[in-house]
C-alpha atoms as a PDB file:
ATOM      1  CA  MET A   1      38.718 -37.335   8.520  1.00  0.00           C
ATOM      2  CA  THR A   2      37.598 -35.398  11.596  1.00  0.00           C
ATOM      3  CA  ARG A   3      37.082 -32.273   9.493  1.00  0.00           C
ATOM      4  CA  LEU A   4      34.386 -33.828   7.306  1.00  0.00           C
ATOM      5  CA  PRO A   5      31.651 -33.780  10.005  1.00  0.00           C
ATOM      6  CA  LEU A   6      32.568 -30.192  10.864  1.00  0.00           C
ATOM      7  CA  ILE A   7      32.396 -29.084   7.221  1.00  0.00           C
ATOM      8  CA  THR A   8      29.064 -30.894   6.807  1.00  0.00           C
ATOM      9  CA  LEU A   9      27.661 -29.201   9.913  1.00  0.00           C
ATOM     10  CA  ILE A  10      28.764 -25.763   8.701  1.00  0.00           C
ATOM     11  CA  ALA A  11      27.200 -26.402   5.279  1.00  0.00           C
ATOM     12  CA  ILE A  12      23.889 -27.462   6.849  1.00  0.00           C
ATOM     13  CA  LEU A  13      23.794 -24.410   9.120  1.00  0.00           C
ATOM     14  CA  THR A  14      24.569 -21.923   6.335  1.00  0.00           C
ATOM     15  CA  LEU A  15      22.233 -23.458   3.745  1.00  0.00           C
ATOM     16  CA  PRO A  16      19.166 -21.435   4.868  1.00  0.00           C
ATOM     17  CA  LEU A  17      21.193 -18.241   4.445  1.00  0.00           C
ATOM     18  CA  VAL A  18      21.841 -18.869   0.755  1.00  0.00           C
ATOM     19  CA  CYS A  19      18.452 -20.402  -0.162  1.00  0.00           C
ATOM     20  CA  ASP A  20      16.514 -17.138   0.049  1.00  0.00           C
ATOM     21  CA  ALA A  21      16.249 -16.799  -3.727  1.00  0.00           C
ATOM     22  CA  SER A  22      12.597 -16.151  -4.522  1.00  0.00           C
ATOM     23  CA  PRO A  23      11.670 -12.833  -6.115  1.00  0.00           C
ATOM     24  CA  PHE A  24      10.518 -10.384  -3.452  1.00  0.00           C
ATOM     25  CA  LEU A  25       8.634  -7.100  -3.470  1.00  0.00           C
ATOM     26  CA  VAL A  26      10.691  -4.776  -1.244  1.00  0.00           C
ATOM     27  CA  CYS A  27      10.946  -1.105  -0.281  1.00  0.00           C
ATOM     28  CA  ASP A  28      13.261   1.158   1.688  1.00  0.00           C
ATOM     29  CA  PRO A  29      13.048   1.107   5.504  1.00  0.00           C
ATOM     30  CA  GLN A  30      10.344   3.363   6.933  1.00  0.00           C
ATOM     31  CA  SER A  31      10.176   4.441  10.552  1.00  0.00           C
ATOM     32  CA  GLY A  32       6.943   3.612  12.387  1.00  0.00           C
ATOM     33  CA  VAL A  33       5.359   1.396   9.712  1.00  0.00           C
ATOM     34  CA  THR A  34       3.833  -1.747  11.230  1.00  0.00           C
ATOM     35  CA  HIS A  35       2.186  -3.363   8.210  1.00  0.00           C
ATOM     36  CA  TYR A  36       1.311  -2.921   4.553  1.00  0.00           C
ATOM     37  CA  ARG A  37      -2.131  -3.096   2.903  1.00  0.00           C
ATOM     38  CA  LEU A  38      -2.174  -4.505  -0.614  1.00  0.00           C
ATOM     39  CA  THR A  39      -4.737  -4.854  -3.385  1.00  0.00           C
ATOM     40  CA  GLY A  40      -4.308  -6.888  -6.532  1.00  0.00           C
ATOM     41  CA  PRO A  41      -4.858 -10.357  -7.998  1.00  0.00           C
ATOM     42  CA  SER A  42      -6.073 -13.254  -5.859  1.00  0.00           C
ATOM     43  CA  TRP A  43      -2.522 -14.427  -4.991  1.00  0.00           C
ATOM     44  CA  VAL A  44      -1.767 -11.070  -3.282  1.00  0.00           C
ATOM     45  CA  PRO A  45      -2.377 -11.107   0.496  1.00  0.00           C
ATOM     46  CA  GLU A  46      -4.512  -8.320   1.986  1.00  0.00           C
ATOM     47  CA  THR A  47      -1.856  -7.369   4.569  1.00  0.00           C
ATOM     48  CA  VAL A  48       1.843  -8.032   5.020  1.00  0.00           C
ATOM     49  CA  PRO A  49       3.601  -7.349   8.341  1.00  0.00           C
ATOM     50  CA  ALA A  50       6.479  -4.888   8.112  1.00  0.00           C
ATOM     51  CA  GLN A  51      10.042  -6.056   8.654  1.00  0.00           C
ATOM     52  CA  SER A  52      11.805  -4.888  11.821  1.00  0.00           C
ATOM     53  CA  ASP A  53      13.099  -1.785   9.989  1.00  0.00           C
ATOM     54  CA  GLY A  54       9.638  -0.881   8.634  1.00  0.00           C
ATOM     55  CA  SER A  55      10.230  -2.160   5.112  1.00  0.00           C
ATOM     56  CA  ILE A  56       8.182  -4.699   3.177  1.00  0.00           C
ATOM     57  CA  LYS A  57       9.470  -8.044   1.926  1.00  0.00           C
ATOM     58  CA  MET A  58       6.794 -10.063   0.147  1.00  0.00           C
ATOM     59  CA  ASP A  59       7.432 -13.244  -1.830  1.00  0.00           C
ATOM     60  CA  VAL A  60       5.981 -12.936  -5.337  1.00  0.00           C
ATOM     61  CA  SER A  61       6.906 -16.425  -6.554  1.00  0.00           C
ATOM     62  CA  SER A  62       3.213 -17.421  -6.650  1.00  0.00           C
ATOM     63  CA  ALA A  63       2.376 -14.615  -9.112  1.00  0.00           C
ATOM     64  CA  THR A  64       0.523 -15.618 -12.252  1.00  0.00           C
ATOM     65  CA  VAL A  65       2.308 -15.654 -15.608  1.00  0.00           C
ATOM     66  CA  GLY A  66       1.955 -12.338 -17.416  1.00  0.00           C
ATOM     67  CA  THR A  67       1.436  -8.809 -16.126  1.00  0.00           C
ATOM     68  CA  ASN A  68       0.585  -8.411 -12.441  1.00  0.00           C
ATOM     69  CA  SER A  69      -0.602  -5.066 -11.048  1.00  0.00           C
ATOM     70  CA  LEU A  70      -1.057  -4.252  -7.391  1.00  0.00           C
ATOM     71  CA  THR A  71      -1.141  -1.306  -5.012  1.00  0.00           C
ATOM     72  CA  VAL A  72       0.674  -0.948  -1.705  1.00  0.00           C
ATOM     73  CA  LYS A  73      -0.104   1.270   1.305  1.00  0.00           C
ATOM     74  CA  ALA A  74       2.250   1.703   4.271  1.00  0.00           C
ATOM     75  CA  CYS A  75       0.272   1.627   7.532  1.00  0.00           C
ATOM     76  CA  ARG A  76       0.727   2.074  11.253  1.00  0.00           C
ATOM     77  CA  ASN A  77      -1.584   1.710  14.233  1.00  0.00           C
ATOM     78  CA  ASP A  78      -2.287   4.753  16.388  1.00  0.00           C
ATOM     79  CA  ASP A  79      -3.825   4.509  19.874  1.00  0.00           C
ATOM     80  CA  VAL A  80      -6.177   7.429  19.224  1.00  0.00           C
ATOM     81  CA  TRP A  81      -6.813   7.369  15.469  1.00  0.00           C
ATOM     82  CA  GLY A  82      -6.600   3.614  14.779  1.00  0.00           C
ATOM     83  CA  GLU A  83      -5.026   2.464  11.527  1.00  0.00           C
ATOM     84  CA  LEU A  84      -3.326   5.232   9.531  1.00  0.00           C
ATOM     85  CA  CYS A  85      -2.240   4.403   5.967  1.00  0.00           C
ATOM     86  CA  SER A  86      -0.383   6.257   3.232  1.00  0.00           C
ATOM     87  CA  ASP A  87      -1.748   6.866  -0.238  1.00  0.00           C
ATOM     88  CA  ALA A  88      -1.714   3.768  -2.443  1.00  0.00           C
ATOM     89  CA  VAL A  89       1.356   3.322  -4.630  1.00  0.00           C
ATOM     90  CA  PRO A  90       0.898   1.302  -7.846  1.00  0.00           C
ATOM     91  CA  PHE A  91       3.345  -1.454  -8.774  1.00  0.00           C
ATOM     92  CA  ALA A  92       3.339  -3.652 -11.867  1.00  0.00           C
ATOM     93  CA  PHE A  93       5.647  -6.407 -13.063  1.00  0.00           C
ATOM     94  CA  THR A  94       5.593  -9.205 -15.625  1.00  0.00           C
ATOM     95  CA  ARG A  95       6.250 -12.809 -14.691  1.00  0.00           C
ATOM     96  CA  PRO A  96       7.725 -14.653 -17.681  1.00  0.00           C
ATOM     97  CA  SER A  97       6.339 -17.972 -18.826  1.00  0.00           C
ATOM     98  CA  ALA A  98       8.300 -21.202 -18.608  1.00  0.00           C
ATOM     99  CA  ALA A  99      10.449 -22.341 -21.500  1.00  0.00           C
ATOM    100  CA  ALA A 100       8.721 -24.220 -24.297  1.00  0.00           C
ATOM    101  CA  PRO A 101       8.985 -28.008 -24.007  1.00  0.00           C
ATOM    102  CA  PRO A 102      11.609 -29.720 -26.161  1.00  0.00           C
ATOM    103  CA  LEU A 103      10.321 -31.059 -29.474  1.00  0.00           C
ATOM    104  CA  ASN A 104      11.027 -34.319 -31.297  1.00  0.00           C
ATOM    105  CA  ILE A 105      12.781 -36.190 -28.471  1.00  0.00           C
ATOM    106  CA  HIS A 106      14.444 -39.352 -29.839  1.00  0.00           C
ATOM    107  CA  LEU A 107      17.557 -41.517 -29.717  1.00  0.00           C
ATOM    108  CA  SER A 108      20.319 -41.028 -32.212  1.00  0.00           C
ATOM    109  CA  ARG A 109      23.420 -42.933 -33.199  1.00  0.00           C
END
C-alpha cells in the first residue's frame, strides 16, 4: 500500500510531459534567431519568441477550419542595425472539420 502514493506522485509529475499534443508549427534550430515575424489570419500572432535553440514552436490549435496560409520570417536583433529578418517563407495547411453529428438517435430493443 505504500507504493500507491509514490506511483500517484510520479504520474502527476509526468503528466505535463505527455500532454503536449496540440499541433505545432515548427522548424529546424537556427543559430542567432531571437524571434519570428508572422503574417496570416487573425488567429496568427504577429511575433513568436524563438525557442532556446533558435527554432519556432507555435501552437496552431486555434486555426480556423479549412485552408490556412501564413508567412514566417526568422529575425534577430542587432545592436547597430536593429531588427534583421529573413525573407518571408510561405506555409499553408488545412484544418479538418469536426465529424458530422450522429443522426436518428433513439432507443432500441
